[in-house]
Protein backbone atom coordinates (compact mmCIF):
# COMPACT_ATOMS: atom_id res chain seq x y z
CA UNK A 1 -126.31 -99.81 44.15
CA UNK A 2 -125.72 -103.46 44.46
CA UNK A 3 -125.83 -105.01 47.92
CA UNK A 4 -128.47 -102.69 49.34
CA UNK A 5 -132.11 -103.22 50.17
CA UNK A 6 -134.27 -100.09 50.05
CA UNK A 7 -131.09 -98.04 50.32
CA UNK A 8 -129.81 -99.77 53.47
CA UNK A 9 -126.77 -101.98 53.68
CA UNK A 10 -126.83 -105.45 55.16
CA UNK A 11 -125.00 -104.19 58.24
CA UNK A 12 -127.55 -101.43 58.83
CA UNK A 13 -130.44 -103.87 58.54
CA UNK A 14 -128.73 -106.30 60.92
CA UNK A 15 -128.11 -103.51 63.46
CA UNK A 16 -131.75 -102.42 63.21
CA UNK A 17 -132.95 -105.98 63.73
CA UNK A 18 -130.64 -106.52 66.66
CA UNK A 19 -131.58 -103.28 68.40
CA UNK A 20 -135.34 -103.25 67.86
CA UNK A 21 -135.94 -106.97 67.44
CA UNK A 22 -134.16 -107.93 70.64
CA UNK A 23 -135.70 -104.90 72.38
CA UNK A 24 -139.17 -106.09 71.44
CA UNK A 25 -138.27 -109.60 72.60
CA UNK A 26 -137.12 -108.19 75.95
CA UNK A 27 -140.44 -106.37 76.39
CA UNK A 28 -142.27 -109.61 75.60
CA UNK A 29 -140.19 -111.48 78.20
CA UNK A 30 -141.00 -108.80 80.78
CA UNK A 31 -144.68 -109.35 80.02
CA UNK A 32 -144.19 -113.09 80.56
CA UNK A 33 -142.50 -112.46 83.95
CA UNK A 34 -145.35 -110.14 84.98
CA UNK A 35 -147.92 -112.75 83.92
CA UNK A 36 -146.01 -115.42 85.88
CA UNK A 37 -146.03 -113.20 88.98
CA UNK A 38 -149.78 -112.61 88.65
CA UNK A 39 -150.67 -116.28 88.13
CA UNK A 40 -148.54 -117.42 91.05
CA UNK A 41 -149.94 -114.67 93.32
CA UNK A 42 -146.38 -113.76 94.29
CA UNK A 43 -147.22 -110.49 96.03
CA UNK A 44 -145.17 -107.31 95.79
CA UNK A 45 -141.93 -108.70 97.19
CA UNK A 46 -142.20 -111.93 95.18
CA UNK A 47 -142.87 -109.96 92.00
CA UNK A 48 -139.82 -107.82 92.72
CA UNK A 49 -137.66 -110.92 93.19
CA UNK A 50 -139.01 -112.49 89.98
CA UNK A 51 -138.20 -109.36 87.99
CA UNK A 52 -134.80 -109.03 89.63
CA UNK A 53 -133.70 -112.60 89.01
CA UNK A 54 -135.35 -113.34 85.67
CA UNK A 55 -134.60 -109.94 84.14
CA UNK A 56 -130.97 -109.63 85.25
CA UNK A 57 -129.61 -110.92 81.93
CA UNK A 58 -131.61 -108.35 80.00
CA UNK A 59 -129.91 -105.61 81.97
CA UNK A 60 -126.58 -106.51 80.39
CA UNK A 61 -127.95 -106.06 76.88
CA UNK A 62 -129.48 -102.71 77.77
CA UNK A 63 -126.34 -101.57 79.59
CA UNK A 64 -124.21 -102.42 76.54
CA UNK A 65 -126.36 -100.21 74.32
CA UNK A 66 -126.35 -97.35 76.83
CA UNK A 67 -122.55 -97.55 77.20
CA UNK A 68 -122.11 -97.55 73.40
CA UNK A 69 -124.41 -94.53 73.15
CA UNK A 70 -122.60 -92.60 75.91
CA UNK A 71 -119.17 -93.32 74.43
CA UNK A 72 -120.40 -92.55 70.91
CA UNK A 73 -119.31 -95.87 69.41
């Protein structure tokens, strides 16, 4: 089997890295936003706004994966 690593194709490894690697990066960024809210003493409403604004782009990535899963693509 040429072109495979541990029985996985390059495409499968790339998909795994994209899904779990970017997912782990998103969790790390959420931790950074939470730490920023704590250090700035933003309060509950300020923390909500920080998460809303700074995490809005992550929602698109998650929504794309959910839509692909629902449609079975």
